[in-house]
Amino acid sequence: MSIWVLPNNVDLLELQGDWGGMRSGLCDKGITVELIHKSDVPAVVSDGIKRGSAWMGNTEAGLQMDWEELLEWDATTAYIHSHSQLGGKFNRDYIGSFIGVDNIYKYGEGKS
């Protein structure tokens, strides 16, 4: 088994850099773009309903616009957020629990 570890000098908030100056240019104008993805692969090695593993992914995209900076509207911000969950139903298929064993789950996903 191998584990990938980021070097100490990596800024996790801007892992993909400044996009050739575009990220900081948008930020200077009052626009912030976010793209976040998390993946987990939990596994049951004993007990549970059955042994096995399942991949689960959580992707979020966001756009924040500071209207005070963009249009000079005092104290006004707009935020658009999208959220998508993908992958297996680990609690239902392997554990049989209503309580999630992984924080990627959303409400009700562990129910049979």
PDB file of N, CA and C in Angstrom:
ATOM      1  N   MET A   1       0.841  -1.177   0.000  1.00  0.00           N
ATOM      2  CA  MET A   1       0.000   0.000   0.000  1.00  0.00           C
ATOM      3  C   MET A   1       0.883   1.236   0.000  1.00  0.00           C
ATOM      4  N   SER A   2       0.529   2.220  -0.811  1.00  0.00           N
ATOM      5  CA  SER A   2       1.299   3.459  -0.835  1.00  0.00           C
ATOM      6  C   SER A   2       0.395   4.629  -0.454  1.00  0.00           C
ATOM      7  N   ILE A   3       0.971   5.617   0.159  1.00  0.00           N
ATOM      8  CA  ILE A   3       0.236   6.815   0.558  1.00  0.00           C
ATOM      9  C   ILE A   3       0.934   8.005  -0.076  1.00  0.00           C
ATOM     10  N   TRP A   4       0.150   8.843  -0.757  1.00  0.00           N
ATOM     11  CA  TRP A   4       0.692  10.036  -1.397  1.00  0.00           C
ATOM     12  C   TRP A   4       0.595  11.195  -0.424  1.00  0.00           C
ATOM     13  N   VAL A   5       1.700  11.869  -0.178  1.00  0.00           N
ATOM     14  CA  VAL A   5       1.745  12.985   0.764  1.00  0.00           C
ATOM     15  C   VAL A   5       2.206  14.236   0.010  1.00  0.00           C
ATOM     16  N   LEU A   6       1.488  15.341   0.218  1.00  0.00           N
ATOM     17  CA  LEU A   6       1.864  16.606  -0.420  1.00  0.00           C
ATOM     18  C   LEU A   6       3.097  17.199   0.236  1.00  0.00           C
ATOM     19  N   PRO A   7       3.955  17.827  -0.536  1.00  0.00           N
ATOM     20  CA  PRO A   7       5.108  18.528   0.054  1.00  0.00           C
ATOM     21  C   PRO A   7       4.641  19.662   0.967  1.00  0.00           C
ATOM     22  N   ASN A   8       5.473  20.072   1.908  1.00  0.00           N
ATOM     23  CA  ASN A   8       5.119  21.117   2.871  1.00  0.00           C
ATOM     24  C   ASN A   8       4.856  22.471   2.231  1.00  0.00           C
ATOM     25  N   ASN A   9       5.423  22.740   1.067  1.00  0.00           N
ATOM     26  CA  ASN A   9       5.289  24.072   0.462  1.00  0.00           C
ATOM     27  C   ASN A   9       4.050  24.202  -0.432  1.00  0.00           C
ATOM     28  N   VAL A  10       3.150  23.226  -0.449  1.00  0.00           N
ATOM     29  CA  VAL A  10       1.956  23.274  -1.288  1.00  0.00           C
ATOM     30  C   VAL A  10       0.821  23.961  -0.542  1.00  0.00           C
ATOM     31  N   ASP A  11       0.221  24.970  -1.170  1.00  0.00           N
ATOM     32  CA  ASP A  11      -0.933  25.672  -0.609  1.00  0.00           C
ATOM     33  C   ASP A  11      -2.192  24.927  -1.050  1.00  0.00           C
ATOM     34  N   LEU A  12      -2.850  24.240  -0.138  1.00  0.00           N
ATOM     35  CA  LEU A  12      -4.016  23.433  -0.479  1.00  0.00           C
ATOM     36  C   LEU A  12      -5.196  24.265  -0.955  1.00  0.00           C
ATOM     37  N   LEU A  13      -5.243  25.540  -0.597  1.00  0.00           N
ATOM     38  CA  LEU A  13      -6.342  26.384  -1.039  1.00  0.00           C
ATOM     39  C   LEU A  13      -6.200  26.769  -2.506  1.00  0.00           C
ATOM     40  N   GLU A  14      -4.997  26.717  -3.032  1.00  0.00           N
ATOM     41  CA  GLU A  14      -4.759  27.040  -4.431  1.00  0.00           C
ATOM     42  C   GLU A  14      -3.850  25.984  -5.049  1.00  0.00           C
ATOM     43  N   LEU A  15      -4.269  24.739  -4.955  1.00  0.00           N
ATOM     44  CA  LEU A  15      -3.462  23.614  -5.401  1.00  0.00           C
ATOM     45  C   LEU A  15      -3.148  23.689  -6.894  1.00  0.00           C
ATOM     46  N   GLN A  16      -4.037  24.280  -7.680  1.00  0.00           N
ATOM     47  CA  GLN A  16      -3.816  24.378  -9.125  1.00  0.00           C
ATOM     48  C   GLN A  16      -3.169  25.690  -9.531  1.00  0.00           C
ATOM     49  N   GLY A  17      -2.665  26.444  -8.571  1.00  0.00           N
ATOM     50  CA  GLY A  17      -1.956  27.663  -8.883  1.00  0.00           C
ATOM     51  C   GLY A  17      -2.868  28.843  -9.192  1.00  0.00           C
ATOM     52  N   ASP A  18      -2.327  29.810  -9.908  1.00  0.00           N
ATOM     53  CA  ASP A  18      -3.034  31.069 -10.182  1.00  0.00           C
ATOM     54  C   ASP A  18      -3.612  31.119 -11.599  1.00  0.00           C
ATOM     55  N   TRP A  19      -3.559  30.012 -12.326  1.00  0.00           N
ATOM     56  CA  TRP A  19      -4.120  29.909 -13.690  1.00  0.00           C
ATOM     57  C   TRP A  19      -3.571  31.006 -14.592  1.00  0.00           C
ATOM     58  N   GLY A  20      -2.277  31.231 -14.544  1.00  0.00           N
ATOM     59  CA  GLY A  20      -1.664  32.247 -15.395  1.00  0.00           C
ATOM     60  C   GLY A  20      -2.088  33.666 -15.050  1.00  0.00           C
ATOM     61  N   GLY A  21      -2.423  33.917 -13.792  1.00  0.00           N
ATOM     62  CA  GLY A  21      -2.848  35.234 -13.331  1.00  0.00           C
ATOM     63  C   GLY A  21      -4.354  35.437 -13.360  1.00  0.00           C
ATOM     64  N   MET A  22      -5.087  34.476 -13.937  1.00  0.00           N
ATOM     65  CA  MET A  22      -6.539  34.643 -14.044  1.00  0.00           C
ATOM     66  C   MET A  22      -7.233  34.595 -12.680  1.00  0.00           C
ATOM     67  N   ARG A  23      -6.803  33.674 -11.792  1.00  0.00           N
ATOM     68  CA  ARG A  23      -7.438  33.562 -10.473  1.00  0.00           C
ATOM     69  C   ARG A  23      -7.293  34.851  -9.680  1.00  0.00           C
ATOM     70  N   SER A  24      -6.079  35.383  -9.599  1.00  0.00           N
ATOM     71  CA  SER A  24      -5.879  36.616  -8.831  1.00  0.00           C
ATOM     72  C   SER A  24      -6.548  37.806  -9.520  1.00  0.00           C
ATOM     73  N   GLY A  25      -6.590  37.805 -10.863  1.00  0.00           N
ATOM     74  CA  GLY A  25      -7.280  38.871 -11.588  1.00  0.00           C
ATOM     75  C   GLY A  25      -8.772  38.883 -11.294  1.00  0.00           C
ATOM     76  N   LEU A  26      -9.398  37.703 -11.277  1.00  0.00           N
ATOM     77  CA  LEU A  26     -10.817  37.608 -10.928  1.00  0.00           C
ATOM     78  C   LEU A  26     -11.053  38.030  -9.484  1.00  0.00           C
ATOM     79  N   CYS A  27     -10.172  37.591  -8.597  1.00  0.00           N
ATOM     80  CA  CYS A  27     -10.300  37.927  -7.173  1.00  0.00           C
ATOM     81  C   CYS A  27     -10.196  39.446  -6.970  1.00  0.00           C
ATOM     82  N   ASP A  28      -9.301  40.089  -7.685  1.00  0.00           N
ATOM     83  CA  ASP A  28      -9.162  41.552  -7.588  1.00  0.00           C
ATOM     84  C   ASP A  28     -10.440  42.259  -8.023  1.00  0.00           C
ATOM     85  N   LYS A  29     -11.214  41.621  -8.921  1.00  0.00           N
ATOM     86  CA  LYS A  29     -12.463  42.211  -9.402  1.00  0.00           C
ATOM     87  C   LYS A  29     -13.660  41.812  -8.548  1.00  0.00           C
ATOM     88  N   GLY A  30     -13.435  40.954  -7.537  1.00  0.00           N
ATOM     89  CA  GLY A  30     -14.519  40.556  -6.647  1.00  0.00           C
ATOM     90  C   GLY A  30     -15.148  39.209  -6.973  1.00  0.00           C
ATOM     91  N   ILE A  31     -14.471  38.372  -7.771  1.00  0.00           N
ATOM     92  CA  ILE A  31     -15.014  37.070  -8.161  1.00  0.00           C
ATOM     93  C   ILE A  31     -14.094  35.967  -7.648  1.00  0.00           C
ATOM     94  N   THR A  32     -14.673  35.033  -6.895  1.00  0.00           N
ATOM     95  CA  THR A  32     -13.928  33.898  -6.365  1.00  0.00           C
ATOM     96  C   THR A  32     -14.534  32.613  -6.922  1.00  0.00           C
ATOM     97  N   VAL A  33     -13.683  31.751  -7.466  1.00  0.00           N
ATOM     98  CA  VAL A  33     -14.116  30.469  -8.032  1.00  0.00           C
ATOM     99  C   VAL A  33     -13.569  29.351  -7.150  1.00  0.00           C
ATOM    100  N   GLU A  34     -14.438  28.362  -6.835  1.00  0.00           N
ATOM    101  CA  GLU A  34     -14.017  27.221  -6.021  1.00  0.00           C
ATOM    102  C   GLU A  34     -14.397  25.925  -6.723  1.00  0.00           C
ATOM    103  N   LEU A  35     -13.517  24.939  -6.675  1.00  0.00           N
ATOM    104  CA  LEU A  35     -13.817  23.591  -7.133  1.00  0.00           C
ATOM    105  C   LEU A  35     -13.153  22.637  -6.156  1.00  0.00           C
ATOM    106  N   ILE A  36     -13.967  21.829  -5.497  1.00  0.00           N
ATOM    107  CA  ILE A  36     -13.472  20.931  -4.448  1.00  0.00           C
ATOM    108  C   ILE A  36     -13.938  19.521  -4.753  1.00  0.00           C
ATOM    109  N   HIS A  37     -13.041  18.548  -4.646  1.00  0.00           N
ATOM    110  CA  HIS A  37     -13.438  17.141  -4.794  1.00  0.00           C
ATOM    111  C   HIS A  37     -12.803  16.327  -3.678  1.00  0.00           C
ATOM    112  N   LYS A  38     -13.615  15.452  -3.082  1.00  0.00           N
ATOM    113  CA  LYS A  38     -13.135  14.521  -2.065  1.00  0.00           C
ATOM    114  C   LYS A  38     -13.524  13.121  -2.517  1.00  0.00           C
ATOM    115  N   SER A  39     -12.624  12.163  -2.333  1.00  0.00           N
ATOM    116  CA  SER A  39     -12.919  10.758  -2.617  1.00  0.00           C
ATOM    117  C   SER A  39     -12.515   9.923  -1.422  1.00  0.00           C
ATOM    118  N   ASP A  40     -13.323   8.922  -1.126  1.00  0.00           N
ATOM    119  CA  ASP A  40     -13.016   7.959  -0.076  1.00  0.00           C
ATOM    120  C   ASP A  40     -13.290   6.565  -0.603  1.00  0.00           C
ATOM    121  N   VAL A  41     -12.527   5.594  -0.101  1.00  0.00           N
ATOM    122  CA  VAL A  41     -12.772   4.189  -0.417  1.00  0.00           C
ATOM    123  C   VAL A  41     -12.739   3.407   0.909  1.00  0.00           C
ATOM    124  N   PRO A  42     -13.867   3.427   1.657  1.00  0.00           N
ATOM    125  CA  PRO A  42     -13.913   2.643   2.892  1.00  0.00           C
ATOM    126  C   PRO A  42     -14.068   1.159   2.556  1.00  0.00           C
ATOM    127  N   ALA A  43     -13.645   0.309   3.484  1.00  0.00           N
ATOM    128  CA  ALA A  43     -13.714  -1.141   3.266  1.00  0.00           C
ATOM    129  C   ALA A  43     -14.135  -1.850   4.540  1.00  0.00           C
ATOM    130  N   VAL A  44     -14.851  -2.956   4.370  1.00  0.00           N
ATOM    131  CA  VAL A  44     -15.194  -3.851   5.476  1.00  0.00           C
ATOM    132  C   VAL A  44     -14.308  -5.079   5.335  1.00  0.00           C
ATOM    133  N   VAL A  45     -13.500  -5.347   6.361  1.00  0.00           N
ATOM    134  CA  VAL A  45     -12.624  -6.520   6.317  1.00  0.00           C
ATOM    135  C   VAL A  45     -13.121  -7.635   7.222  1.00  0.00           C
ATOM    136  N   SER A  46     -14.050  -7.321   8.138  1.00  0.00           N
ATOM    137  CA  SER A  46     -14.683  -8.351   8.964  1.00  0.00           C
ATOM    138  C   SER A  46     -16.012  -7.806   9.479  1.00  0.00           C
ATOM    139  N   ASP A  47     -16.917  -8.715   9.854  1.00  0.00           N
ATOM    140  CA  ASP A  47     -18.260  -8.368  10.315  1.00  0.00           C
ATOM    141  C   ASP A  47     -19.030  -7.638   9.214  1.00  0.00           C
ATOM    142  N   GLY A  48     -19.971  -6.784   9.574  1.00  0.00           N
ATOM    143  CA  GLY A  48     -20.788  -6.094   8.588  1.00  0.00           C
ATOM    144  C   GLY A  48     -21.717  -7.048   7.855  1.00  0.00           C
ATOM    145  N   ILE A  49     -22.398  -6.564   6.830  1.00  0.00           N
ATOM    146  CA  ILE A  49     -23.277  -7.389   6.008  1.00  0.00           C
ATOM    147  C   ILE A  49     -22.440  -8.290   5.104  1.00  0.00           C
ATOM    148  N   LYS A  50     -21.404  -7.706   4.507  1.00  0.00           N
ATOM    149  CA  LYS A  50     -20.492  -8.469   3.649  1.00  0.00           C
ATOM    150  C   LYS A  50     -19.164  -7.736   3.581  1.00  0.00           C
ATOM    151  N   ARG A  51     -18.136  -8.434   3.173  1.00  0.00           N
ATOM    152  CA  ARG A  51     -16.824  -7.819   2.999  1.00  0.00           C
ATOM    153  C   ARG A  51     -16.747  -7.136   1.646  1.00  0.00           C
ATOM    154  N   GLY A  52     -15.980  -6.069   1.596  1.00  0.00           N
ATOM    155  CA  GLY A  52     -15.794  -5.363   0.338  1.00  0.00           C
ATOM    156  C   GLY A  52     -15.552  -3.888   0.561  1.00  0.00           C
ATOM    157  N   SER A  53     -15.473  -3.160  -0.529  1.00  0.00           N
ATOM    158  CA  SER A  53     -15.218  -1.725  -0.458  1.00  0.00           C
ATOM    159  C   SER A  53     -16.072  -1.005  -1.495  1.00  0.00           C
ATOM    160  N   ALA A  54     -16.179   0.301  -1.333  1.00  0.00           N
ATOM    161  CA  ALA A  54     -16.947   1.119  -2.278  1.00  0.00           C
ATOM    162  C   ALA A  54     -16.282   2.478  -2.399  1.00  0.00           C
ATOM    163  N   TRP A  55     -16.221   2.991  -3.620  1.00  0.00           N
ATOM    164  CA  TRP A  55     -15.708   4.333  -3.846  1.00  0.00           C
ATOM    165  C   TRP A  55     -16.847   5.320  -3.656  1.00  0.00           C
ATOM    166  N   MET A  56     -16.556   6.435  -3.005  1.00  0.00           N
ATOM    167  CA  MET A  56     -17.529   7.505  -2.830  1.00  0.00           C
ATOM    168  C   MET A  56     -16.837   8.823  -3.152  1.00  0.00           C
ATOM    169  N   GLY A  57     -17.534   9.683  -3.870  1.00  0.00           N
ATOM    170  CA  GLY A  57     -16.968  10.970  -4.225  1.00  0.00           C
ATOM    171  C   GLY A  57     -17.932  12.104  -3.932  1.00  0.00           C
ATOM    172  N   ASN A  58     -17.395  13.240  -3.587  1.00  0.00           N
ATOM    173  CA  ASN A  58     -18.174  14.432  -3.298  1.00  0.00           C
ATOM    174  C   ASN A  58     -17.518  15.591  -4.046  1.00  0.00           C
ATOM    175  N   THR A  59     -18.259  16.214  -4.969  1.00  0.00           N
ATOM    176  CA  THR A  59     -17.730  17.323  -5.742  1.00  0.00           C
ATOM    177  C   THR A  59     -18.575  18.571  -5.492  1.00  0.00           C
ATOM    178  N   GLU A  60     -17.906  19.681  -5.267  1.00  0.00           N
ATOM    179  CA  GLU A  60     -18.588  20.952  -5.045  1.00  0.00           C
ATOM    180  C   GLU A  60     -17.956  22.022  -5.928  1.00  0.00           C
ATOM    181  N   ALA A  61     -18.804  22.872  -6.489  1.00  0.00           N
ATOM    182  CA  ALA A  61     -18.329  24.004  -7.280  1.00  0.00           C
ATOM    183  C   ALA A  61     -19.024  25.257  -6.759  1.00  0.00           C
ATOM    184  N   GLY A  62     -18.283  26.328  -6.656  1.00  0.00           N
ATOM    185  CA  GLY A  62     -18.861  27.568  -6.143  1.00  0.00           C
ATOM    186  C   GLY A  62     -18.343  28.788  -6.875  1.00  0.00           C
ATOM    187  N   LEU A  63     -19.189  29.795  -6.916  1.00  0.00           N
ATOM    188  CA  LEU A  63     -18.837  31.075  -7.516  1.00  0.00           C
ATOM    189  C   LEU A  63     -19.353  32.165  -6.584  1.00  0.00           C
ATOM    190  N   GLN A  64     -18.446  32.982  -6.086  1.00  0.00           N
ATOM    191  CA  GLN A  64     -18.818  34.079  -5.200  1.00  0.00           C
ATOM    192  C   GLN A  64     -18.517  35.398  -5.900  1.00  0.00           C
ATOM    193  N   MET A  65     -19.512  36.294  -5.897  1.00  0.00           N
ATOM    194  CA  MET A  65     -19.355  37.587  -6.551  1.00  0.00           C
ATOM    195  C   MET A  65     -19.617  38.702  -5.545  1.00  0.00           C
ATOM    196  N   ASP A  66     -18.632  39.539  -5.355  1.00  0.00           N
ATOM    197  CA  ASP A  66     -18.735  40.685  -4.461  1.00  0.00           C
ATOM    198  C   ASP A  66     -19.299  41.856  -5.271  1.00  0.00           C
ATOM    199  N   TRP A  67     -20.606  42.081  -5.140  1.00  0.00           N
ATOM    200  CA  TRP A  67     -21.265  43.123  -5.928  1.00  0.00           C
ATOM    201  C   TRP A  67     -20.821  44.522  -5.516  1.00  0.00           C
ATOM    202  N   GLU A  68     -20.299  44.647  -4.312  1.00  0.00           N
ATOM    203  CA  GLU A  68     -19.769  45.954  -3.908  1.00  0.00           C
ATOM    204  C   GLU A  68     -18.538  46.293  -4.761  1.00  0.00           C
ATOM    205  N   GLU A  69     -17.721  45.282  -5.008  1.00  0.00           N
ATOM    206  CA  GLU A  69     -16.526  45.470  -5.836  1.00  0.00           C
ATOM    207  C   GLU A  69     -16.889  45.578  -7.321  1.00  0.00           C
ATOM    208  N   LEU A  70     -17.845  44.754  -7.769  1.00  0.00           N
ATOM    209  CA  LEU A  70     -18.212  44.713  -9.193  1.00  0.00           C
ATOM    210  C   LEU A  70     -19.096  45.869  -9.641  1.00  0.00           C
ATOM    211  N   LEU A  71     -20.136  46.187  -8.830  1.00  0.00           N
ATOM    212  CA  LEU A  71     -21.135  47.176  -9.248  1.00  0.00           C
ATOM    213  C   LEU A  71     -21.339  48.328  -8.270  1.00  0.00           C
ATOM    214  N   GLU A  72     -20.485  48.354  -7.221  1.00  0.00           N
ATOM    215  CA  GLU A  72     -20.566  49.378  -6.174  1.00  0.00           C
ATOM    216  C   GLU A  72     -21.887  49.328  -5.407  1.00  0.00           C
ATOM    217  N   TRP A  73     -22.440  48.117  -5.251  1.00  0.00           N
ATOM    218  CA  TRP A  73     -23.622  47.916  -4.405  1.00  0.00           C
ATOM    219  C   TRP A  73     -23.118  47.599  -3.004  1.00  0.00           C
ATOM    220  N   ASP A  74     -23.387  48.452  -2.062  1.00  0.00           N
ATOM    221  CA  ASP A  74     -22.877  48.300  -0.698  1.00  0.00           C
ATOM    222  C   ASP A  74     -23.337  46.982  -0.061  1.00  0.00           C
ATOM    223  N   ALA A  75     -22.394  46.313   0.584  1.00  0.00           N
ATOM    224  CA  ALA A  75     -22.643  45.122   1.407  1.00  0.00           C
ATOM    225  C   ALA A  75     -23.502  44.064   0.697  1.00  0.00           C
ATOM    226  N   THR A  76     -23.214  43.789  -0.591  1.00  0.00           N
ATOM    227  CA  THR A  76     -23.987  42.804  -1.341  1.00  0.00           C
ATOM    228  C   THR A  76     -23.047  41.768  -1.953  1.00  0.00           C
ATOM    229  N   THR A  77     -23.349  40.500  -1.676  1.00  0.00           N
ATOM    230  CA  THR A  77     -22.567  39.389  -2.215  1.00  0.00           C
ATOM    231  C   THR A  77     -23.520  38.333  -2.743  1.00  0.00           C
ATOM    232  N   ALA A  78     -23.203  37.751  -3.885  1.00  0.00           N
ATOM    233  CA  ALA A  78     -23.975  36.631  -4.438  1.00  0.00           C
ATOM    234  C   ALA A  78     -23.094  35.391  -4.410  1.00  0.00           C
ATOM    235  N   TYR A  79     -23.713  34.256  -4.107  1.00  0.00           N
ATOM    236  CA  TYR A  79     -22.959  33.009  -4.033  1.00  0.00           C
ATOM    237  C   TYR A  79     -23.763  31.905  -4.700  1.00  0.00           C
ATOM    238  N   ILE A  80     -23.164  31.221  -5.654  1.00  0.00           N
ATOM    239  CA  ILE A  80     -23.788  30.082  -6.332  1.00  0.00           C
ATOM    240  C   ILE A  80     -22.982  28.847  -5.967  1.00  0.00           C
ATOM    241  N   HIS A  81     -23.679  27.788  -5.552  1.00  0.00           N
ATOM    242  CA  HIS A  81     -22.998  26.586  -5.084  1.00  0.00           C
ATOM    243  C   HIS A  81     -23.688  25.347  -5.650  1.00  0.00           C
ATOM    244  N   SER A  82     -22.910  24.424  -6.165  1.00  0.00           N
ATOM    245  CA  SER A  82     -23.428  23.156  -6.665  1.00  0.00           C
ATOM    246  C   SER A  82     -22.733  22.019  -5.929  1.00  0.00           C
ATOM    247  N   HIS A  83     -23.478  20.963  -5.650  1.00  0.00           N
ATOM    248  CA  HIS A  83     -22.966  19.851  -4.852  1.00  0.00           C
ATOM    249  C   HIS A  83     -23.402  18.545  -5.514  1.00  0.00           C
ATOM    250  N   SER A  84     -22.481  17.612  -5.712  1.00  0.00           N
ATOM    251  CA  SER A  84     -22.802  16.330  -6.334  1.00  0.00           C
ATOM    252  C   SER A  84     -22.123  15.207  -5.564  1.00  0.00           C
ATOM    253  N   GLN A  85     -22.885  14.154  -5.256  1.00  0.00           N
ATOM    254  CA  GLN A  85     -22.307  12.978  -4.606  1.00  0.00           C
ATOM    255  C   GLN A  85     -22.431  11.785  -5.534  1.00  0.00           C
ATOM    256  N   LEU A  86     -21.341  11.035  -5.633  1.00  0.00           N
ATOM    257  CA  LEU A  86     -21.256   9.918  -6.562  1.00  0.00           C
ATOM    258  C   LEU A  86     -20.744   8.674  -5.845  1.00  0.00           C
ATOM    259  N   GLY A  87     -20.941   7.528  -6.472  1.00  0.00           N
ATOM    260  CA  GLY A  87     -20.330   6.314  -5.974  1.00  0.00           C
ATOM    261  C   GLY A  87     -21.288   5.393  -5.259  1.00  0.00           C
ATOM    262  N   GLY A  88     -20.703   4.459  -4.499  1.00  0.00           N
ATOM    263  CA  GLY A  88     -21.457   3.399  -3.850  1.00  0.00           C
ATOM    264  C   GLY A  88     -22.194   3.836  -2.596  1.00  0.00           C
ATOM    265  N   LYS A  89     -23.079   2.969  -2.158  1.00  0.00           N
ATOM    266  CA  LYS A  89     -23.860   3.164  -0.929  1.00  0.00           C
ATOM    267  C   LYS A  89     -23.255   2.254   0.155  1.00  0.00           C
ATOM    268  N   PHE A  90     -22.130   2.694   0.698  1.00  0.00           N
ATOM    269  CA  PHE A  90     -21.355   1.853   1.605  1.00  0.00           C
ATOM    270  C   PHE A  90     -22.137   1.431   2.842  1.00  0.00           C
ATOM    271  N   ASN A  91     -22.796   2.370   3.518  1.00  0.00           N
ATOM    272  CA  ASN A  91     -23.554   2.001   4.727  1.00  0.00           C
ATOM    273  C   ASN A  91     -24.627   0.967   4.414  1.00  0.00           C
ATOM    274  N   ARG A  92     -25.388   1.197   3.368  1.00  0.00           N
ATOM    275  CA  ARG A  92     -26.482   0.287   3.007  1.00  0.00           C
ATOM    276  C   ARG A  92     -25.961  -1.082   2.580  1.00  0.00           C
ATOM    277  N   ASP A  93     -24.951  -1.122   1.724  1.00  0.00           N
ATOM    278  CA  ASP A  93     -24.520  -2.368   1.105  1.00  0.00           C
ATOM    279  C   ASP A  93     -23.546  -3.190   1.936  1.00  0.00           C
ATOM    280  N   TYR A  94     -22.765  -2.562   2.805  1.00  0.00           N
ATOM    281  CA  TYR A  94     -21.723  -3.292   3.525  1.00  0.00           C
ATOM    282  C   TYR A  94     -21.863  -3.269   5.041  1.00  0.00           C
ATOM    283  N   ILE A  95     -22.453  -2.210   5.599  1.00  0.00           N
ATOM    284  CA  ILE A  95     -22.522  -2.055   7.049  1.00  0.00           C
ATOM    285  C   ILE A  95     -23.901  -2.373   7.606  1.00  0.00           C
ATOM    286  N   GLY A  96     -24.945  -1.868   6.960  1.00  0.00           N
ATOM    287  CA  GLY A  96     -26.306  -2.039   7.464  1.00  0.00           C
ATOM    288  C   GLY A  96     -26.597  -1.094   8.616  1.00  0.00           C
ATOM    289  N   SER A  97     -26.044   0.101   8.572  1.00  0.00           N
ATOM    290  CA  SER A  97     -26.165   1.061   9.664  1.00  0.00           C
ATOM    291  C   SER A  97     -26.848   2.330   9.183  1.00  0.00           C
ATOM    292  N   PHE A  98     -27.638   2.947  10.066  1.00  0.00           N
ATOM    293  CA  PHE A  98     -28.215   4.251   9.765  1.00  0.00           C
ATOM    294  C   PHE A  98     -27.224   5.372  10.064  1.00  0.00           C
ATOM    295  N   ILE A  99     -26.204   5.077  10.844  1.00  0.00           N
ATOM    296  CA  ILE A  99     -25.191   6.065  11.203  1.00  0.00           C
ATOM    297  C   ILE A  99     -24.030   5.926  10.223  1.00  0.00           C
ATOM    298  N   GLY A 100     -23.704   7.012   9.540  1.00  0.00           N
ATOM    299  CA  GLY A 100     -22.651   6.965   8.529  1.00  0.00           C
ATOM    300  C   GLY A 100     -21.287   6.666   9.117  1.00  0.00           C
ATOM    301  N   VAL A 101     -20.516   5.857   8.416  1.00  0.00           N
ATOM    302  CA  VAL A 101     -19.150   5.565   8.827  1.00  0.00           C
ATOM    303  C   VAL A 101     -18.169   6.458   8.084  1.00  0.00           C
ATOM    304  N   ASP A 102     -18.700   7.324   7.222  1.00  0.00           N
ATOM    305  CA  ASP A 102     -17.870   8.189   6.414  1.00  0.00           C
ATOM    306  C   ASP A 102     -18.553   9.543   6.304  1.00  0.00           C
ATOM    307  N   ASN A 103     -17.806  10.630   6.390  1.00  0.00           N
ATOM    308  CA  ASN A 103     -18.423  11.957   6.385  1.00  0.00           C
ATOM    309  C   ASN A 103     -18.786  12.463   4.990  1.00  0.00           C
ATOM    310  N   ILE A 104     -18.603  11.668   3.952  1.00  0.00           N
ATOM    311  CA  ILE A 104     -19.022  12.062   2.608  1.00  0.00           C
ATOM    312  C   ILE A 104     -20.525  11.875   2.433  1.00  0.00           C
ATOM    313  N   TYR A 105     -21.134  11.011   3.231  1.00  0.00           N
ATOM    314  CA  TYR A 105     -22.561  10.715   3.092  1.00  0.00           C
ATOM    315  C   TYR A 105     -23.449  11.925   3.330  1.00  0.00           C
ATOM    316  N   LYS A 106     -24.556  11.974   2.639  1.00  0.00           N
ATOM    317  CA  LYS A 106     -25.573  12.972   2.913  1.00  0.00           C
ATOM    318  C   LYS A 106     -26.727  12.298   3.651  1.00  0.00           C
ATOM    319  N   TYR A 107     -27.642  13.065   4.207  1.00  0.00           N
ATOM    320  CA  TYR A 107     -28.741  12.540   4.984  1.00  0.00           C
ATOM    321  C   TYR A 107     -29.556  11.521   4.197  1.00  0.00           C
ATOM    322  N   GLY A 108     -29.880  10.401   4.823  1.00  0.00           N
ATOM    323  CA  GLY A 108     -30.762   9.408   4.242  1.00  0.00           C
ATOM    324  C   GLY A 108     -30.070   8.396   3.358  1.00  0.00           C
ATOM    325  N   GLU A 109     -28.819   8.575   3.030  1.00  0.00           N
ATOM    326  CA  GLU A 109     -28.157   7.668   2.111  1.00  0.00           C
ATOM    327  C   GLU A 109     -27.909   6.302   2.728  1.00  0.00           C
ATOM    328  N   GLY A 110     -27.823   6.201   4.044  1.00  0.00           N
ATOM    329  CA  GLY A 110     -27.576   4.926   4.695  1.00  0.00           C
ATOM    330  C   GLY A 110     -28.807   4.082   4.874  1.00  0.00           C
ATOM    331  N   LYS A 111     -29.994   4.613   4.551  1.00  0.00           N
ATOM    332  CA  LYS A 111     -31.244   3.876   4.733  1.00  0.00           C
ATOM    333  C   LYS A 111     -31.429   2.863   3.620  1.00  0.00           C
ATOM    334  N   SER A 112     -31.968   1.730   3.970  1.00  0.00           N
ATOM    335  CA  SER A 112     -32.214   0.671   2.970  1.00  0.00           C
ATOM    336  C   SER A 112     -33.508   0.921   2.220  1.00  0.00           C
TER     337      SER A 112
END
